[in-house]
């Protein structure tokens, strides 16, 4: 059956008390994992607390025992890929092998401008992303010194020490829906594809395209795990669902048609079942209210047992 994890937006006010409360709740309530974004801030003001990604994941690795975790996703524009590889391998080892290394090309113009990072135009952005993937996968997979001469990165006798405890290092997750740039990179480098806000039908279409690309690369389609991150609005009852939808100027039915997991426990179970039939193996439910742990507990209590039966 489909696995249920929680995803939070770290730039929406995440600080140590909120992170620690959320991590303990996700672990204790029985969710499969906890994932978070990697942003300095949002695309529009106001700027809120935004706890640094790798510092937060290091704490999580040593203060939880069961849940899987990782960035959804970490832009390669923020850090040199050798540093990302070093941090990811160390955090994965510290956790006993529970990190999923989510990577992306970067997209948010405002934070790149505000903090002095080069976002680049889209073709160059994805060219840099592929070079970073080449560097990270090479460092994970081999203990031989790496020489790399790219447009954006140049390495000489680079080696990752200590070696990752997991053979090949932590699994690499690539997020996104693009069939022209993103899915080909998934087929070449990723262990997991994470779709974003798709309906079951849209997911199936892109998953079929990914299968074709994997065959072209000589890879078994089952070698790449399929997951999806999407919005979640859990309602205690039908009236609550209508009120929550109205605050976003739509009906519950319109929200579900956009790919959001929206409604009461039974409605959410039905939606998750449909996603599972479409091939989604794990869904990361985007939980926007970092302080609403009572509703998160209600979701876990009402939904998770039905998925395990």
Protein backbone atom coordinates (compact mmCIF):
# COMPACT_ATOMS: atom_id res chain seq x y z
CA UNK A 1 0.00 0.00 0.00
CA UNK A 2 1.04 3.60 -0.47
CA UNK A 3 3.36 5.10 2.16
CA UNK A 4 2.49 8.44 3.75
CA UNK A 5 5.13 11.02 4.66
CA UNK A 6 4.90 14.68 5.66
CA UNK A 7 6.57 17.56 3.83
CA UNK A 8 6.93 21.07 5.26
CA UNK A 9 8.03 24.37 3.75
CA UNK A 10 11.09 25.38 5.74
CA UNK A 11 10.90 29.02 4.69
CA UNK A 12 7.42 29.42 6.23
CA UNK A 13 8.60 30.15 9.75
CA UNK A 14 10.65 27.07 10.59
CA UNK A 15 12.78 27.46 13.72
CA UNK A 16 14.18 25.00 16.24
CA UNK A 17 11.09 24.63 18.45
CA UNK A 18 8.81 24.05 15.45
CA UNK A 19 11.23 21.64 13.78
CA UNK A 20 11.73 19.61 16.93
CA UNK A 21 7.99 19.41 17.64
CA UNK A 22 7.23 18.43 14.05
CA UNK A 23 9.94 15.75 13.89
CA UNK A 24 8.81 14.12 17.11
CA UNK A 25 5.18 14.20 16.02
CA UNK A 26 5.88 12.64 12.62
CA UNK A 27 7.97 9.91 14.24
CA UNK A 28 5.50 9.16 17.03
CA UNK A 29 2.37 9.26 14.85
CA UNK A 30 3.62 6.59 12.46
CA UNK A 31 4.27 8.50 9.25
CA UNK A 32 6.90 7.03 6.94
CA UNK A 33 9.04 10.13 6.69
CA UNK A 34 9.57 13.87 7.06
CA UNK A 35 10.81 16.03 4.21
CA UNK A 36 11.38 19.77 3.93
CA UNK A 37 12.14 22.43 1.36
CA UNK A 38 15.52 24.15 1.09
CA UNK A 39 14.90 27.88 0.70
CA UNK A 40 16.17 31.09 2.21
CA UNK A 41 12.76 32.72 1.86
CA UNK A 42 9.58 32.74 -0.18
CA UNK A 43 9.10 34.20 -3.63
CA UNK A 44 7.18 37.11 -2.08
CA UNK A 45 7.57 38.94 1.26
CA UNK A 46 7.28 38.80 4.19
CA UNK A 47 10.46 36.97 5.13
CA UNK A 48 9.99 34.42 7.91
CA UNK A 49 12.20 32.12 9.97
CA UNK A 50 13.93 29.58 7.72
CA UNK A 51 16.10 27.09 9.59
CA UNK A 52 19.11 26.03 7.50
CA UNK A 53 18.56 22.68 5.78
CA UNK A 54 21.63 20.61 6.61
CA UNK A 55 21.86 21.80 10.20
CA UNK A 56 18.24 20.75 10.71
CA UNK A 57 18.77 17.36 9.03
CA UNK A 58 21.82 16.66 11.17
CA UNK A 59 19.71 17.17 14.29
CA UNK A 60 16.96 14.99 12.83
CA UNK A 61 19.39 12.18 12.01
CA UNK A 62 20.47 11.87 15.63
CA UNK A 63 17.14 12.58 17.35
CA UNK A 64 14.85 10.20 15.45
CA UNK A 65 15.15 6.46 15.03
CA UNK A 66 12.70 5.36 12.36
CA UNK A 67 11.52 7.96 9.84
CA UNK A 68 13.16 8.57 6.49
CA UNK A 69 13.87 12.17 5.58
CA UNK A 70 15.53 14.58 3.21
CA UNK A 71 15.25 17.78 1.19
CA UNK A 72 12.46 18.27 -1.33
CA UNK A 73 14.61 19.47 -2.94
CA UNK A 74 18.00 21.08 -2.42
CA UNK A 75 19.03 23.43 -5.27
CA UNK A 76 22.54 22.76 -6.55
CA UNK A 77 22.83 26.53 -7.04
CA UNK A 78 23.27 27.01 -3.27
CA UNK A 79 26.21 24.68 -2.60
CA UNK A 80 29.13 23.13 -4.42
CA UNK A 81 28.28 19.49 -5.24
CA UNK A 82 31.34 18.18 -3.41
CA UNK A 83 30.10 19.84 -0.22
CA UNK A 84 26.58 18.48 -0.75
CA UNK A 85 28.02 15.00 -1.21
CA UNK A 86 30.11 15.27 1.95
CA UNK A 87 27.22 16.50 4.09
CA UNK A 88 24.72 14.02 2.66
CA UNK A 89 26.98 11.02 3.20
CA UNK A 90 27.74 12.09 6.78
CA UNK A 91 24.08 12.75 7.67
CA UNK A 92 23.01 9.46 6.09
CA UNK A 93 25.61 7.57 8.11
CA UNK A 94 24.59 9.38 11.30
CA UNK A 95 20.96 8.35 10.75
CA UNK A 96 21.73 4.72 10.02
CA UNK A 97 20.81 5.04 6.35
CA UNK A 98 17.56 7.04 6.32
CA UNK A 99 18.39 10.05 4.12
CA UNK A 100 16.90 10.55 0.65
CA UNK A 101 19.03 13.16 -1.12
CA UNK A 102 16.57 15.31 -3.03
CA UNK A 103 18.27 17.54 -5.61
CA UNK A 104 17.06 20.18 -8.03
CA UNK A 105 18.30 22.85 -10.41
CA UNK A 106 16.89 25.81 -8.46
CA UNK A 107 14.01 28.03 -9.52
CA UNK A 108 13.18 30.87 -7.16
CA UNK A 109 14.45 34.17 -8.52
CA UNK A 110 14.01 36.32 -5.42
CA UNK A 111 16.17 34.30 -3.03
CA UNK A 112 18.95 33.90 -5.60
CA UNK A 113 18.99 37.65 -6.14
CA UNK A 114 18.74 38.54 -2.44
CA UNK A 115 21.52 36.21 -1.31
CA UNK A 116 23.90 36.51 -4.23
CA UNK A 117 23.53 33.15 -6.00
CA UNK A 118 23.56 32.77 -9.78
CA UNK A 119 20.30 31.16 -10.91
CA UNK A 120 21.24 31.22 -14.65
CA UNK A 121 18.81 30.88 -17.54
CA UNK A 122 16.92 27.61 -17.83
CA UNK A 123 19.23 25.76 -20.29
CA UNK A 124 22.36 26.70 -18.33
CA UNK A 125 20.62 25.95 -15.04
CA UNK A 126 19.91 22.38 -16.12
CA UNK A 127 23.36 21.96 -17.63
CA UNK A 128 24.85 22.91 -14.25
CA UNK A 129 22.40 20.57 -12.52
CA UNK A 130 23.55 17.65 -14.66
CA UNK A 131 27.20 18.39 -13.92
CA UNK A 132 26.40 18.44 -10.19
CA UNK A 133 24.63 15.08 -10.51
CA UNK A 134 27.65 13.66 -12.31
CA UNK A 135 29.98 14.84 -9.55
CA UNK A 136 27.81 13.62 -6.68
CA UNK A 137 27.10 10.19 -8.16
CA UNK A 138 30.78 9.70 -9.01
CA UNK A 139 31.90 10.61 -5.49
CA UNK A 140 29.27 8.31 -3.96
CA UNK A 141 29.99 5.33 -6.18
CA UNK A 142 33.78 5.16 -6.30
CA UNK A 143 36.72 5.57 -3.95
CA UNK A 144 39.02 6.34 -6.86
CA UNK A 145 40.21 9.98 -7.13
CA UNK A 146 37.93 11.91 -9.46
CA UNK A 147 39.09 14.29 -12.17
CA UNK A 148 36.22 16.29 -13.64
CA UNK A 149 36.39 19.06 -16.21
CA UNK A 150 33.02 20.68 -16.75
CA UNK A 151 31.73 24.11 -17.57
CA UNK A 152 30.64 24.81 -13.99
CA UNK A 153 32.77 22.44 -11.87
CA UNK A 154 36.40 21.32 -12.06
CA UNK A 155 37.85 18.68 -9.77
CA UNK A 156 41.32 17.21 -9.47
CA UNK A 157 41.96 13.97 -7.54
CA UNK A 158 38.77 14.45 -5.52
CA UNK A 159 37.67 11.60 -3.26
CA UNK A 160 34.91 11.30 -0.68
CA UNK A 161 36.27 10.17 2.69
CA UNK A 162 35.12 8.56 4.85
CA UNK A 163 33.32 6.36 2.39
CA UNK A 164 29.53 6.25 2.71
CA UNK A 165 28.35 3.32 4.77
CA UNK A 166 25.63 2.62 2.23
CA UNK A 167 27.10 1.22 -1.00
CA UNK A 168 26.67 3.95 -3.59
CA UNK A 169 25.75 6.50 -0.93
CA UNK A 170 22.28 7.75 -0.03
CA UNK A 171 19.68 7.39 -2.80
CA UNK A 172 19.29 10.40 -5.05
CA UNK A 173 15.81 11.83 -5.55
CA UNK A 174 15.04 14.24 -8.38
CA UNK A 175 11.83 16.22 -8.16
CA UNK A 176 9.79 17.74 -10.95
CA UNK A 177 7.32 17.02 -13.72
CA UNK A 178 9.13 18.20 -16.85
CA UNK A 179 9.29 15.64 -19.64
CA UNK A 180 11.95 17.48 -21.67
CA UNK A 181 14.61 18.16 -19.04
CA UNK A 182 13.74 16.66 -15.64
CA UNK A 183 12.63 13.13 -16.52
CA UNK A 184 15.69 12.44 -18.71
CA UNK A 185 17.89 13.35 -15.73
CA UNK A 186 15.83 11.07 -13.50
CA UNK A 187 16.37 8.23 -15.95
CA UNK A 188 20.14 8.78 -15.98
CA UNK A 189 20.95 9.57 -12.36
CA UNK A 190 18.10 9.11 -9.87
CA UNK A 191 17.00 6.37 -7.54
CA UNK A 192 13.65 8.08 -6.99
CA UNK A 193 11.40 10.36 -9.01
CA UNK A 194 9.27 12.79 -7.01
CA UNK A 195 6.38 14.29 -8.94
CA UNK A 196 4.74 17.52 -7.80
CA UNK A 197 1.00 18.28 -7.55
CA UNK A 198 -0.26 15.89 -10.23
CA UNK A 199 -3.58 14.17 -10.66
CA UNK A 200 -3.45 10.35 -10.90
CA UNK A 201 -3.93 10.55 -14.67
CA UNK A 202 -1.12 13.09 -15.07
CA UNK A 203 1.14 10.97 -12.89
CA UNK A 204 0.50 7.88 -15.00
CA UNK A 205 1.31 9.76 -18.20
CA UNK A 206 4.65 10.99 -16.90
CA UNK A 207 5.46 7.65 -15.29
CA UNK A 208 4.97 5.97 -18.66
CA UNK A 209 7.34 8.45 -20.25
CA UNK A 210 9.87 7.79 -17.50
CA UNK A 211 9.63 4.05 -18.21
CA UNK A 212 10.51 4.74 -21.85
CA UNK A 213 13.49 6.87 -20.87
CA UNK A 214 14.72 4.24 -18.42
CA UNK A 215 14.58 1.58 -21.14
CA UNK A 216 16.65 3.87 -23.36
CA UNK A 217 19.25 4.09 -20.56
CA UNK A 218 19.27 0.31 -20.14
CA UNK A 219 17.74 0.57 -16.68
CA UNK A 220 14.91 -1.48 -15.24
CA UNK A 221 11.90 0.80 -14.62
CA UNK A 222 11.46 -0.79 -11.20
CA UNK A 223 14.90 0.55 -10.22
CA UNK A 224 13.45 4.05 -9.78
CA UNK A 225 11.02 4.59 -6.95
CA UNK A 226 7.95 6.72 -7.70
CA UNK A 227 6.73 9.30 -5.17
CA UNK A 228 4.77 12.53 -5.24
CA UNK A 229 4.59 15.70 -3.17
CA UNK A 230 1.20 17.36 -3.08
CA UNK A 231 -0.88 19.66 -0.91
CA UNK A 232 -2.93 18.21 1.92
CA UNK A 233 -5.94 19.72 3.65
CA UNK A 234 -7.44 17.36 6.20
CA UNK A 235 -10.96 18.18 7.37
CA UNK A 236 -12.69 16.90 10.50
CA UNK A 237 -16.08 16.80 8.72
CA UNK A 238 -17.79 17.95 5.52
CA UNK A 239 -18.58 21.44 6.77
CA UNK A 240 -14.94 21.89 7.79
CA UNK A 241 -13.90 20.77 4.29
CA UNK A 242 -16.18 23.30 2.61
CA UNK A 243 -14.93 26.09 4.87
CA UNK A 244 -11.27 25.25 4.26
CA UNK A 245 -11.84 25.16 0.52
CA UNK A 246 -13.80 28.43 0.55
CA UNK A 247 -10.86 30.20 2.17
CA UNK A 248 -8.98 29.36 -1.02
CA UNK A 249 -11.87 30.43 -3.27
CA UNK A 250 -12.68 26.94 -4.47
CA UNK A 251 -14.81 23.93 -3.64
CA UNK A 252 -13.43 20.64 -2.24
CA UNK A 253 -14.11 19.05 -5.62
CA UNK A 254 -12.11 21.75 -7.40
CA UNK A 255 -9.23 21.26 -4.96
CA UNK A 256 -9.15 17.52 -5.62
CA UNK A 257 -9.29 18.10 -9.39
CA UNK A 258 -6.02 20.06 -9.05
CA UNK A 259 -4.30 17.07 -7.47
CA UNK A 260 -4.60 18.20 -3.84
CA UNK A 261 -5.36 15.61 -1.18
CA UNK A 262 -8.38 17.30 0.31
CA UNK A 263 -11.26 16.30 2.55
CA UNK A 264 -12.34 14.08 5.39
CA UNK A 265 -10.54 10.89 6.41
CA UNK A 266 -12.61 8.62 4.17
CA UNK A 267 -12.21 10.97 1.21
CA UNK A 268 -8.47 11.16 1.72
CA UNK A 269 -8.19 7.37 1.97
CA UNK A 270 -10.03 7.08 -1.34
CA UNK A 271 -7.73 9.63 -2.98
CA UNK A 272 -4.63 7.89 -1.69
CA UNK A 273 -5.94 4.59 -3.01
CA UNK A 274 -6.35 6.13 -6.45
CA UNK A 275 -2.80 7.48 -6.31
CA UNK A 276 -1.52 4.04 -5.35
CA UNK A 277 -3.34 2.52 -8.33
CA UNK A 278 -1.64 5.12 -10.54
CA UNK A 279 1.76 3.90 -9.33
CA UNK A 280 2.61 6.32 -6.52
CA UNK A 281 4.60 4.39 -3.92
CA UNK A 282 5.01 7.20 -1.39
CA UNK A 283 3.15 10.49 -1.09
CA UNK A 284 4.66 13.46 0.75
CA UNK A 285 1.73 15.47 2.09
CA UNK A 286 2.56 19.17 2.23
CA UNK A 287 1.65 20.40 5.74
CA UNK A 288 1.65 24.19 5.61
CA UNK A 289 0.63 25.02 9.19
CA UNK A 290 3.73 24.21 11.21
CA UNK A 291 1.87 24.67 14.50
CA UNK A 292 -1.26 22.61 13.75
CA UNK A 293 -0.11 19.35 15.26
CA UNK A 294 -3.57 18.53 16.60
CA UNK A 295 -4.91 18.26 13.06
CA UNK A 296 -1.81 16.30 12.02
CA UNK A 297 -2.50 13.84 14.83
CA UNK A 298 -6.14 13.58 13.76
CA UNK A 299 -5.04 12.83 10.20
CA UNK A 300 -2.66 10.11 11.36
CA UNK A 301 -5.21 8.55 13.71
CA UNK A 302 -8.00 8.51 11.13
CA UNK A 303 -6.10 7.69 7.93
CA UNK A 304 -2.99 5.61 8.62
CA UNK A 305 -4.76 2.58 10.14
CA UNK A 306 -7.03 2.32 7.10
CA UNK A 307 -4.00 2.17 4.80
CA UNK A 308 -2.43 -0.61 6.82
CA UNK A 309 -5.49 -2.85 6.93
